[in-house]
Amino acid sequence: MQYLNPIAALFITVGLAGAAPAQTADDAPNAAQQAFDKADTDHDGALSLAEWKAMGRRERGFNFIDANHDGKVTPDEIRAAMARFRR
């Protein structure tokens, strides 16, 4: 079994609206980046709370992932949250 990229796993978990599922684990990193880019409507490389909520997600999840509490969720914070979730 191949490793699934943490960002892909998160977007599969949170069900990013409109994101096409990856066909294989090898496709997952690209699909995850595309999903993140689609959600990042201001193209600043991070998700604001408004962008997060626009995906239909709850503020509680955003706050869990936003480790430095700067009001933005980055791909690195998503990977770190997935690592904490797996423990």
N, C-alpha and C. Protein backbone atom coordinates (compact mmCIF):
# COMPACT_ATOMS: atom_id res chain seq x y z
N MET A 1 0.84 -1.18 0.00
CA MET A 1 0.00 0.00 0.00
C MET A 1 0.88 1.24 0.00
N GLN A 2 0.54 2.21 -0.82
CA GLN A 2 1.33 3.42 -0.92
C GLN A 2 0.89 4.44 0.10
N TYR A 3 1.83 5.31 0.47
CA TYR A 3 1.60 6.36 1.45
C TYR A 3 0.71 7.45 0.85
N LEU A 4 -0.27 7.90 1.59
CA LEU A 4 -1.16 8.97 1.15
C LEU A 4 -0.67 10.28 1.76
N ASN A 5 -0.43 11.27 0.92
CA ASN A 5 0.02 12.58 1.35
C ASN A 5 -0.92 13.14 2.41
N PRO A 6 -0.39 13.72 3.50
CA PRO A 6 -1.25 14.23 4.57
C PRO A 6 -2.23 15.30 4.11
N ILE A 7 -1.83 16.16 3.18
CA ILE A 7 -2.76 17.17 2.70
C ILE A 7 -3.91 16.50 1.96
N ALA A 8 -3.58 15.50 1.15
CA ALA A 8 -4.63 14.77 0.43
C ALA A 8 -5.55 14.09 1.43
N ALA A 9 -4.97 13.49 2.45
CA ALA A 9 -5.78 12.81 3.46
C ALA A 9 -6.71 13.80 4.14
N LEU A 10 -6.21 15.00 4.44
CA LEU A 10 -7.05 16.00 5.08
C LEU A 10 -8.21 16.38 4.18
N PHE A 11 -7.94 16.65 2.91
CA PHE A 11 -9.01 17.09 2.02
C PHE A 11 -9.98 15.96 1.74
N ILE A 12 -9.51 14.73 1.77
CA ILE A 12 -10.43 13.61 1.66
C ILE A 12 -11.29 13.56 2.92
N THR A 13 -10.65 13.77 4.07
CA THR A 13 -11.35 13.74 5.35
C THR A 13 -12.38 14.85 5.46
N VAL A 14 -11.97 16.08 5.10
CA VAL A 14 -12.88 17.21 5.25
C VAL A 14 -13.83 17.34 4.08
N GLY A 15 -13.61 16.59 3.01
CA GLY A 15 -14.51 16.60 1.88
C GLY A 15 -14.57 17.93 1.17
N LEU A 16 -13.43 18.40 0.71
CA LEU A 16 -13.38 19.67 0.01
C LEU A 16 -14.35 19.67 -1.16
N ALA A 17 -15.27 20.57 -1.14
CA ALA A 17 -16.31 20.64 -2.17
C ALA A 17 -15.68 20.87 -3.54
N GLY A 18 -16.09 20.06 -4.48
CA GLY A 18 -15.64 20.23 -5.85
C GLY A 18 -14.31 19.59 -6.18
N ALA A 19 -13.63 19.04 -5.21
CA ALA A 19 -12.33 18.44 -5.47
C ALA A 19 -12.53 17.02 -6.01
N ALA A 20 -11.85 16.73 -7.08
CA ALA A 20 -11.93 15.39 -7.65
C ALA A 20 -11.04 14.46 -6.84
N PRO A 21 -11.49 13.25 -6.53
CA PRO A 21 -10.66 12.33 -5.76
C PRO A 21 -9.47 11.86 -6.59
N ALA A 22 -8.37 11.62 -5.91
CA ALA A 22 -7.18 11.10 -6.57
C ALA A 22 -7.44 9.67 -7.02
N GLN A 23 -6.92 9.32 -8.17
CA GLN A 23 -7.10 7.97 -8.70
C GLN A 23 -6.18 6.98 -8.00
N THR A 24 -4.96 7.40 -7.67
CA THR A 24 -4.00 6.55 -6.97
C THR A 24 -3.30 7.38 -5.90
N ALA A 25 -2.55 6.71 -5.05
CA ALA A 25 -1.79 7.42 -4.03
C ALA A 25 -0.75 8.33 -4.67
N ASP A 26 -0.25 7.96 -5.84
CA ASP A 26 0.71 8.81 -6.54
C ASP A 26 0.07 10.11 -7.02
N ASP A 27 -1.22 10.08 -7.31
CA ASP A 27 -1.95 11.27 -7.75
C ASP A 27 -2.34 12.16 -6.57
N ALA A 28 -2.31 11.64 -5.37
CA ALA A 28 -2.82 12.35 -4.21
C ALA A 28 -2.13 13.68 -3.95
N PRO A 29 -0.79 13.77 -3.99
CA PRO A 29 -0.17 15.07 -3.72
C PRO A 29 -0.62 16.14 -4.71
N ASN A 30 -0.71 15.80 -5.98
CA ASN A 30 -1.15 16.76 -6.99
C ASN A 30 -2.61 17.14 -6.77
N ALA A 31 -3.45 16.16 -6.50
CA ALA A 31 -4.87 16.43 -6.26
C ALA A 31 -5.03 17.29 -5.01
N ALA A 32 -4.25 17.02 -3.99
CA ALA A 32 -4.33 17.80 -2.76
C ALA A 32 -3.92 19.25 -3.01
N GLN A 33 -2.84 19.44 -3.76
CA GLN A 33 -2.39 20.79 -4.06
C GLN A 33 -3.43 21.53 -4.90
N GLN A 34 -4.03 20.85 -5.85
CA GLN A 34 -5.08 21.47 -6.66
C GLN A 34 -6.28 21.86 -5.79
N ALA A 35 -6.65 20.99 -4.86
CA ALA A 35 -7.76 21.29 -3.96
C ALA A 35 -7.44 22.49 -3.08
N PHE A 36 -6.22 22.51 -2.56
CA PHE A 36 -5.79 23.63 -1.72
C PHE A 36 -5.82 24.92 -2.52
N ASP A 37 -5.26 24.87 -3.74
CA ASP A 37 -5.22 26.06 -4.59
C ASP A 37 -6.62 26.56 -4.92
N LYS A 38 -7.54 25.65 -5.14
CA LYS A 38 -8.93 26.03 -5.43
C LYS A 38 -9.56 26.72 -4.22
N ALA A 39 -9.29 26.21 -3.04
CA ALA A 39 -9.85 26.80 -1.82
C ALA A 39 -9.20 28.13 -1.49
N ASP A 40 -7.94 28.31 -1.88
CA ASP A 40 -7.18 29.52 -1.60
C ASP A 40 -7.54 30.59 -2.63
N THR A 41 -8.71 31.17 -2.47
CA THR A 41 -9.24 32.07 -3.49
C THR A 41 -8.47 33.38 -3.64
N ASP A 42 -7.75 33.80 -2.60
CA ASP A 42 -6.95 35.02 -2.74
C ASP A 42 -5.50 34.72 -3.14
N HIS A 43 -5.20 33.44 -3.31
CA HIS A 43 -3.89 32.98 -3.82
C HIS A 43 -2.70 33.47 -2.99
N ASP A 44 -2.87 33.46 -1.66
CA ASP A 44 -1.77 33.89 -0.81
C ASP A 44 -1.00 32.71 -0.21
N GLY A 45 -1.35 31.49 -0.60
CA GLY A 45 -0.64 30.32 -0.11
C GLY A 45 -1.14 29.80 1.22
N ALA A 46 -2.24 30.35 1.71
CA ALA A 46 -2.82 29.93 2.98
C ALA A 46 -4.33 30.06 2.89
N LEU A 47 -5.02 29.37 3.77
CA LEU A 47 -6.48 29.47 3.83
C LEU A 47 -6.88 30.34 5.01
N SER A 48 -7.67 31.36 4.73
CA SER A 48 -8.24 32.19 5.80
C SER A 48 -9.45 31.46 6.38
N LEU A 49 -9.94 31.96 7.48
CA LEU A 49 -11.14 31.36 8.07
C LEU A 49 -12.31 31.46 7.09
N ALA A 50 -12.42 32.58 6.38
CA ALA A 50 -13.50 32.73 5.40
C ALA A 50 -13.37 31.69 4.29
N GLU A 51 -12.16 31.46 3.80
CA GLU A 51 -11.96 30.45 2.76
C GLU A 51 -12.29 29.06 3.29
N TRP A 52 -11.90 28.81 4.53
CA TRP A 52 -12.18 27.53 5.18
C TRP A 52 -13.69 27.30 5.28
N LYS A 53 -14.40 28.33 5.76
CA LYS A 53 -15.85 28.22 5.90
C LYS A 53 -16.54 28.09 4.55
N ALA A 54 -15.99 28.72 3.52
CA ALA A 54 -16.55 28.62 2.18
C ALA A 54 -16.52 27.17 1.67
N MET A 55 -15.63 26.35 2.23
CA MET A 55 -15.58 24.93 1.89
C MET A 55 -16.64 24.15 2.66
N GLY A 56 -17.36 24.85 3.54
CA GLY A 56 -18.38 24.16 4.34
C GLY A 56 -17.82 23.56 5.62
N ARG A 57 -16.65 24.00 6.01
CA ARG A 57 -16.00 23.47 7.21
C ARG A 57 -16.29 24.36 8.40
N ARG A 58 -16.14 23.78 9.58
CA ARG A 58 -16.41 24.48 10.84
C ARG A 58 -15.17 25.19 11.36
N GLU A 59 -15.41 26.26 12.09
CA GLU A 59 -14.33 27.06 12.67
C GLU A 59 -13.48 26.23 13.64
N ARG A 60 -14.10 25.28 14.31
CA ARG A 60 -13.37 24.44 15.28
C ARG A 60 -12.20 23.71 14.60
N GLY A 61 -12.43 23.16 13.42
CA GLY A 61 -11.37 22.48 12.70
C GLY A 61 -10.27 23.43 12.27
N PHE A 62 -10.66 24.61 11.83
CA PHE A 62 -9.69 25.63 11.45
C PHE A 62 -8.80 25.96 12.63
N ASN A 63 -9.41 26.18 13.79
CA ASN A 63 -8.64 26.54 14.98
C ASN A 63 -7.71 25.41 15.41
N PHE A 64 -8.11 24.17 15.21
CA PHE A 64 -7.25 23.03 15.54
C PHE A 64 -6.02 23.03 14.64
N ILE A 65 -6.19 23.34 13.38
CA ILE A 65 -5.09 23.29 12.42
C ILE A 65 -4.21 24.53 12.48
N ASP A 66 -4.77 25.69 12.75
CA ASP A 66 -4.02 26.96 12.79
C ASP A 66 -3.15 27.02 14.04
N ALA A 67 -2.03 26.33 13.99
CA ALA A 67 -1.18 26.14 15.17
C ALA A 67 -0.62 27.44 15.73
N ASN A 68 -0.26 28.38 14.88
CA ASN A 68 0.33 29.62 15.38
C ASN A 68 -0.71 30.73 15.57
N HIS A 69 -1.98 30.40 15.34
CA HIS A 69 -3.11 31.30 15.58
C HIS A 69 -2.96 32.65 14.87
N ASP A 70 -2.48 32.58 13.63
CA ASP A 70 -2.33 33.81 12.85
C ASP A 70 -3.53 34.05 11.93
N GLY A 71 -4.55 33.20 12.03
CA GLY A 71 -5.74 33.37 11.22
C GLY A 71 -5.61 32.80 9.83
N LYS A 72 -4.59 31.98 9.61
CA LYS A 72 -4.39 31.34 8.31
C LYS A 72 -3.95 29.90 8.53
N VAL A 73 -4.37 29.03 7.62
CA VAL A 73 -3.96 27.63 7.64
C VAL A 73 -3.08 27.39 6.41
N THR A 74 -1.87 26.95 6.67
CA THR A 74 -0.91 26.68 5.59
C THR A 74 -0.82 25.18 5.34
N PRO A 75 -0.26 24.78 4.21
CA PRO A 75 -0.05 23.35 3.97
C PRO A 75 0.80 22.70 5.08
N ASP A 76 1.80 23.42 5.58
CA ASP A 76 2.63 22.86 6.66
C ASP A 76 1.80 22.63 7.92
N GLU A 77 0.89 23.54 8.24
CA GLU A 77 0.04 23.36 9.41
C GLU A 77 -0.93 22.19 9.20
N ILE A 78 -1.38 22.00 7.97
CA ILE A 78 -2.24 20.86 7.69
C ILE A 78 -1.48 19.56 7.90
N ARG A 79 -0.24 19.50 7.38
CA ARG A 79 0.57 18.29 7.59
C ARG A 79 0.81 18.03 9.07
N ALA A 80 1.11 19.09 9.83
CA ALA A 80 1.35 18.93 11.27
C ALA A 80 0.09 18.46 11.99
N ALA A 81 -1.07 19.00 11.60
CA ALA A 81 -2.32 18.58 12.23
C ALA A 81 -2.60 17.12 11.93
N MET A 82 -2.34 16.70 10.71
CA MET A 82 -2.55 15.29 10.36
C MET A 82 -1.62 14.39 11.17
N ALA A 83 -0.39 14.84 11.40
CA ALA A 83 0.53 14.05 12.21
C ALA A 83 0.03 13.95 13.65
N ARG A 84 -0.51 15.05 14.19
CA ARG A 84 -1.07 15.02 15.56
C ARG A 84 -2.29 14.13 15.60
N PHE A 85 -3.10 14.17 14.57
CA PHE A 85 -4.33 13.37 14.51
C PHE A 85 -4.02 11.89 14.48
N ARG A 86 -2.94 11.50 13.84
CA ARG A 86 -2.57 10.07 13.72
C ARG A 86 -2.07 9.47 15.02
N ARG A 87 -1.67 10.28 15.98
CA ARG A 87 -1.10 9.74 17.23
C ARG A 87 -2.11 8.98 18.01
